[in-house]
Amino acid sequence: MKVEDKLEILRLLEENGRMDVPAIAKMVDKSEEDVQAIIHKLEKEKVILSYAAVVDWSKVNDREGVTAMIDVKVTPQRGVGFDEVAERIYRFPEVKALYLVSGAYDLSVVVDGNTMSEIASFVSEKLSALDSVISTTTHFRLKTYKHDGVVFGDEDDDDKRIVVSP
């Protein structure tokens, strides 16, 4: 199978992880067996890491939560650069995502918590306590407009939302 076919399968699965093999096979004009083999190979090679749903948590009753993006400036370690401190950070259960970034800060950490106070405790007691961490700046998410290509909105705005059907 050509590289273009693999890329198209990856794009389709990234857009809708619930898309079944027969639908993908039709869209890329390949046999179901070929598509299944490619998907299995991509999973085995850790190109496909997981399948996830995009959830609008603001519409879930009894679920109050806070998400913060924390910019972190660190001192890289000799011989391992940012990898060692990044590993220490991503092992915290509160950490949802971690990125090495360019600019004034080195790492961008996405953290979920129940309250702002809980996030503040994480930053002061766990993150800032790491030897390599020089400084942090915390930004709290106030509203989600779009995430992973999906537009969030009111139920009345169905015509503006991207709906991906299986």
C-alpha atoms as a PDB file:
ATOM      1  CA  MET A   1       0.000   0.000   0.000  1.00  0.00           C
ATOM      2  CA  LYS A   2       1.227   3.455  -0.889  1.00  0.00           C
ATOM      3  CA  VAL A   3       2.260   6.046   1.688  1.00  0.00           C
ATOM      4  CA  GLU A   4      -0.639   8.247   0.541  1.00  0.00           C
ATOM      5  CA  ASP A   5      -3.098   5.450   1.431  1.00  0.00           C
ATOM      6  CA  LYS A   6      -1.611   5.097   4.919  1.00  0.00           C
ATOM      7  CA  LEU A   7      -1.810   8.854   5.425  1.00  0.00           C
ATOM      8  CA  GLU A   8      -5.436   8.926   4.300  1.00  0.00           C
ATOM      9  CA  ILE A   9      -6.331   6.072   6.674  1.00  0.00           C
ATOM     10  CA  LEU A  10      -4.621   7.946   9.518  1.00  0.00           C
ATOM     11  CA  ARG A  11      -6.495  11.166   8.656  1.00  0.00           C
ATOM     12  CA  LEU A  12      -9.821   9.318   8.585  1.00  0.00           C
ATOM     13  CA  LEU A  13      -9.196   7.630  11.939  1.00  0.00           C
ATOM     14  CA  GLU A  14      -7.983  10.853  13.508  1.00  0.00           C
ATOM     15  CA  GLU A  15     -11.209  12.551  12.411  1.00  0.00           C
ATOM     16  CA  ASN A  16     -13.397   9.663  13.567  1.00  0.00           C
ATOM     17  CA  GLY A  17     -11.817   6.851  15.580  1.00  0.00           C
ATOM     18  CA  ARG A  18     -15.081   4.900  15.432  1.00  0.00           C
ATOM     19  CA  MET A  19     -15.073   4.637  11.646  1.00  0.00           C
ATOM     20  CA  ASP A  20     -15.238   0.970  10.745  1.00  0.00           C
ATOM     21  CA  VAL A  21     -12.913  -0.862   8.381  1.00  0.00           C
ATOM     22  CA  PRO A  22     -15.500  -1.349   5.585  1.00  0.00           C
ATOM     23  CA  ALA A  23     -16.177   2.412   5.453  1.00  0.00           C
ATOM     24  CA  ILE A  24     -12.459   3.220   5.413  1.00  0.00           C
ATOM     25  CA  ALA A  25     -11.834   0.614   2.706  1.00  0.00           C
ATOM     26  CA  LYS A  26     -14.486   2.233   0.487  1.00  0.00           C
ATOM     27  CA  MET A  27     -13.056   5.697   1.048  1.00  0.00           C
ATOM     28  CA  VAL A  28      -9.479   4.706   0.164  1.00  0.00           C
ATOM     29  CA  ASP A  29     -10.573   2.232  -2.533  1.00  0.00           C
ATOM     30  CA  LYS A  30      -8.772  -0.741  -0.973  1.00  0.00           C
ATOM     31  CA  SER A  31      -9.879  -4.129   0.315  1.00  0.00           C
ATOM     32  CA  GLU A  32     -11.033  -4.478   3.920  1.00  0.00           C
ATOM     33  CA  GLU A  33      -8.213  -6.963   4.518  1.00  0.00           C
ATOM     34  CA  ASP A  34      -5.595  -4.471   3.303  1.00  0.00           C
ATOM     35  CA  VAL A  35      -7.031  -1.686   5.467  1.00  0.00           C
ATOM     36  CA  GLN A  36      -7.227  -3.944   8.535  1.00  0.00           C
ATOM     37  CA  ALA A  37      -3.610  -5.033   8.007  1.00  0.00           C
ATOM     38  CA  ILE A  38      -2.421  -1.422   7.693  1.00  0.00           C
ATOM     39  CA  ILE A  39      -4.310  -0.358  10.832  1.00  0.00           C
ATOM     40  CA  HIS A  40      -2.915  -3.313  12.789  1.00  0.00           C
ATOM     41  CA  LYS A  41       0.622  -2.483  11.598  1.00  0.00           C
ATOM     42  CA  LEU A  42       0.207   1.205  12.540  1.00  0.00           C
ATOM     43  CA  GLU A  43      -1.035   0.213  16.009  1.00  0.00           C
ATOM     44  CA  LYS A  44       1.849  -2.245  16.474  1.00  0.00           C
ATOM     45  CA  GLU A  45       4.385   0.413  15.388  1.00  0.00           C
ATOM     46  CA  LYS A  46       2.811   2.861  17.890  1.00  0.00           C
ATOM     47  CA  VAL A  47       1.859   5.300  15.123  1.00  0.00           C
ATOM     48  CA  ILE A  48      -1.755   4.950  16.299  1.00  0.00           C
ATOM     49  CA  LEU A  49      -1.499   5.350  20.069  1.00  0.00           C
ATOM     50  CA  SER A  50      -5.152   5.336  21.152  1.00  0.00           C
ATOM     51  CA  TYR A  51      -8.716   6.087  20.140  1.00  0.00           C
ATOM     52  CA  ALA A  52     -10.586   8.811  22.015  1.00  0.00           C
ATOM     53  CA  ALA A  53     -13.884  10.688  22.129  1.00  0.00           C
ATOM     54  CA  VAL A  54     -14.160  14.476  22.257  1.00  0.00           C
ATOM     55  CA  VAL A  55     -16.466  15.256  25.204  1.00  0.00           C
ATOM     56  CA  ASP A  56     -18.142  18.572  25.989  1.00  0.00           C
ATOM     57  CA  TRP A  57     -17.739  18.330  29.774  1.00  0.00           C
ATOM     58  CA  SER A  58     -19.671  21.563  30.278  1.00  0.00           C
ATOM     59  CA  LYS A  59     -22.830  19.614  29.386  1.00  0.00           C
ATOM     60  CA  VAL A  60     -22.244  16.801  31.869  1.00  0.00           C
ATOM     61  CA  ASN A  61     -24.326  17.265  35.021  1.00  0.00           C
ATOM     62  CA  ASP A  62     -22.569  17.083  38.369  1.00  0.00           C
ATOM     63  CA  ARG A  63     -19.147  17.536  36.764  1.00  0.00           C
ATOM     64  CA  GLU A  64     -17.336  20.706  37.714  1.00  0.00           C
ATOM     65  CA  GLY A  65     -13.762  20.731  36.573  1.00  0.00           C
ATOM     66  CA  VAL A  66     -10.884  23.023  35.756  1.00  0.00           C
ATOM     67  CA  THR A  67      -8.279  22.776  33.020  1.00  0.00           C
ATOM     68  CA  ALA A  68      -5.086  24.798  33.134  1.00  0.00           C
ATOM     69  CA  MET A  69      -2.285  25.344  30.655  1.00  0.00           C
ATOM     70  CA  ILE A  70       0.957  25.878  32.530  1.00  0.00           C
ATOM     71  CA  ASP A  71       4.009  27.372  30.839  1.00  0.00           C
ATOM     72  CA  VAL A  72       7.173  26.028  32.462  1.00  0.00           C
ATOM     73  CA  LYS A  73      10.735  27.334  32.170  1.00  0.00           C
ATOM     74  CA  VAL A  74      13.291  24.663  33.074  1.00  0.00           C
ATOM     75  CA  THR A  75      17.015  24.104  33.181  1.00  0.00           C
ATOM     76  CA  PRO A  76      17.789  21.303  30.714  1.00  0.00           C
ATOM     77  CA  GLN A  77      19.932  18.473  32.072  1.00  0.00           C
ATOM     78  CA  ARG A  78      23.315  17.726  30.515  1.00  0.00           C
ATOM     79  CA  GLY A  79      23.140  14.766  28.147  1.00  0.00           C
ATOM     80  CA  VAL A  80      19.337  14.387  28.267  1.00  0.00           C
ATOM     81  CA  GLY A  81      18.117  17.922  27.560  1.00  0.00           C
ATOM     82  CA  PHE A  82      14.479  18.349  28.511  1.00  0.00           C
ATOM     83  CA  ASP A  83      13.557  14.654  28.400  1.00  0.00           C
ATOM     84  CA  GLU A  84      14.320  13.825  32.034  1.00  0.00           C
ATOM     85  CA  VAL A  85      12.314  16.685  33.536  1.00  0.00           C
ATOM     86  CA  ALA A  86       9.533  16.101  30.991  1.00  0.00           C
ATOM     87  CA  GLU A  87       9.283  12.469  32.085  1.00  0.00           C
ATOM     88  CA  ARG A  88       9.047  13.494  35.750  1.00  0.00           C
ATOM     89  CA  ILE A  89       6.250  15.928  34.866  1.00  0.00           C
ATOM     90  CA  TYR A  90       4.180  13.646  32.622  1.00  0.00           C
ATOM     91  CA  ARG A  91       4.144  10.939  35.306  1.00  0.00           C
ATOM     92  CA  PHE A  92       1.947  13.114  37.552  1.00  0.00           C
ATOM     93  CA  PRO A  93      -1.652  11.836  37.215  1.00  0.00           C
ATOM     94  CA  GLU A  94      -3.001  15.400  36.932  1.00  0.00           C
ATOM     95  CA  VAL A  95      -1.063  15.974  33.698  1.00  0.00           C
ATOM     96  CA  LYS A  96      -3.246  15.467  30.647  1.00  0.00           C
ATOM     97  CA  ALA A  97      -0.697  16.626  28.032  1.00  0.00           C
ATOM     98  CA  LEU A  98       2.888  17.880  27.902  1.00  0.00           C
ATOM     99  CA  TYR A  99       4.654  19.601  25.027  1.00  0.00           C
ATOM    100  CA  LEU A 100       8.167  20.904  24.388  1.00  0.00           C
ATOM    101  CA  VAL A 101       7.640  24.371  22.902  1.00  0.00           C
ATOM    102  CA  SER A 102       9.666  27.226  21.501  1.00  0.00           C
ATOM    103  CA  GLY A 103       9.566  30.747  22.880  1.00  0.00           C
ATOM    104  CA  ALA A 104       9.903  32.224  26.349  1.00  0.00           C
ATOM    105  CA  TYR A 105       9.009  28.919  28.050  1.00  0.00           C
ATOM    106  CA  ASP A 106      10.272  25.414  27.417  1.00  0.00           C
ATOM    107  CA  LEU A 107       7.342  23.172  28.300  1.00  0.00           C
ATOM    108  CA  SER A 108       3.580  23.533  28.086  1.00  0.00           C
ATOM    109  CA  VAL A 109       1.671  21.374  30.551  1.00  0.00           C
ATOM    110  CA  VAL A 110      -2.084  20.753  30.386  1.00  0.00           C
ATOM    111  CA  VAL A 111      -3.541  19.811  33.768  1.00  0.00           C
ATOM    112  CA  ASP A 112      -7.044  18.773  34.814  1.00  0.00           C
ATOM    113  CA  GLY A 113      -8.322  19.269  38.346  1.00  0.00           C
ATOM    114  CA  ASN A 114     -11.544  19.654  40.309  1.00  0.00           C
ATOM    115  CA  THR A 115     -10.905  23.235  41.435  1.00  0.00           C
ATOM    116  CA  MET A 116      -8.538  26.144  40.811  1.00  0.00           C
ATOM    117  CA  SER A 117      -7.188  25.559  44.285  1.00  0.00           C
ATOM    118  CA  GLU A 118      -6.334  21.972  43.387  1.00  0.00           C
ATOM    119  CA  ILE A 119      -4.427  23.176  40.315  1.00  0.00           C
ATOM    120  CA  ALA A 120      -2.629  25.799  42.435  1.00  0.00           C
ATOM    121  CA  SER A 121      -1.576  23.078  44.885  1.00  0.00           C
ATOM    122  CA  PHE A 122      -0.278  20.949  42.019  1.00  0.00           C
ATOM    123  CA  VAL A 123       1.811  23.847  40.710  1.00  0.00           C
ATOM    124  CA  SER A 124       3.210  24.883  44.084  1.00  0.00           C
ATOM    125  CA  GLU A 125       3.710  21.477  45.711  1.00  0.00           C
ATOM    126  CA  LYS A 126       4.618  19.226  42.799  1.00  0.00           C
ATOM    127  CA  LEU A 127       5.610  21.131  39.668  1.00  0.00           C
ATOM    128  CA  SER A 128       7.529  24.074  41.151  1.00  0.00           C
ATOM    129  CA  ALA A 129       9.199  21.740  43.636  1.00  0.00           C
ATOM    130  CA  LEU A 130      11.141  20.001  40.856  1.00  0.00           C
ATOM    131  CA  ASP A 131      14.813  21.022  40.854  1.00  0.00           C
ATOM    132  CA  SER A 132      14.915  21.840  37.138  1.00  0.00           C
ATOM    133  CA  VAL A 133      11.838  24.107  37.183  1.00  0.00           C
ATOM    134  CA  ILE A 134      12.816  27.792  37.137  1.00  0.00           C
ATOM    135  CA  SER A 135       9.373  29.393  36.757  1.00  0.00           C
ATOM    136  CA  THR A 136       5.764  28.746  35.803  1.00  0.00           C
ATOM    137  CA  THR A 137       2.852  30.738  34.432  1.00  0.00           C
ATOM    138  CA  THR A 138      -0.626  29.250  34.785  1.00  0.00           C
ATOM    139  CA  HIS A 139      -3.532  29.968  32.431  1.00  0.00           C
ATOM    140  CA  PHE A 140      -7.019  28.658  33.246  1.00  0.00           C
ATOM    141  CA  ARG A 141      -9.322  27.560  30.436  1.00  0.00           C
ATOM    142  CA  LEU A 142     -12.536  29.561  30.626  1.00  0.00           C
ATOM    143  CA  LYS A 143     -14.420  28.202  27.620  1.00  0.00           C
ATOM    144  CA  THR A 144     -13.790  25.748  24.800  1.00  0.00           C
ATOM    145  CA  TYR A 145     -14.678  26.871  21.293  1.00  0.00           C
ATOM    146  CA  LYS A 146     -12.942  24.132  19.309  1.00  0.00           C
ATOM    147  CA  HIS A 147     -10.961  21.025  20.285  1.00  0.00           C
ATOM    148  CA  ASP A 148      -9.433  18.378  18.015  1.00  0.00           C
ATOM    149  CA  GLY A 149     -11.272  19.828  15.030  1.00  0.00           C
ATOM    150  CA  VAL A 150     -14.681  19.725  16.725  1.00  0.00           C
ATOM    151  CA  VAL A 151     -16.528  23.018  17.223  1.00  0.00           C
ATOM    152  CA  PHE A 152     -18.311  23.354  20.580  1.00  0.00           C
ATOM    153  CA  GLY A 153     -21.527  25.327  20.912  1.00  0.00           C
ATOM    154  CA  ASP A 154     -25.109  25.473  22.091  1.00  0.00           C
ATOM    155  CA  GLU A 155     -27.626  22.839  21.004  1.00  0.00           C
ATOM    156  CA  ASP A 156     -29.275  25.560  18.913  1.00  0.00           C
ATOM    157  CA  ASP A 157     -26.080  25.884  16.894  1.00  0.00           C
ATOM    158  CA  ASP A 158     -26.177  22.377  15.402  1.00  0.00           C
ATOM    159  CA  ASP A 159     -25.750  23.812  11.912  1.00  0.00           C
ATOM    160  CA  LYS A 160     -22.408  25.362  12.987  1.00  0.00           C
ATOM    161  CA  ARG A 161     -21.023  22.240  14.671  1.00  0.00           C
ATOM    162  CA  ILE A 162     -18.891  19.660  12.993  1.00  0.00           C
ATOM    163  CA  VAL A 163     -20.633  16.344  13.404  1.00  0.00           C
ATOM    164  CA  VAL A 164     -18.673  13.238  12.560  1.00  0.00           C
ATOM    165  CA  SER A 165     -20.881  10.213  12.074  1.00  0.00           C
ATOM    166  CA  PRO A 166     -19.640   6.629  12.258  1.00  0.00           C
END
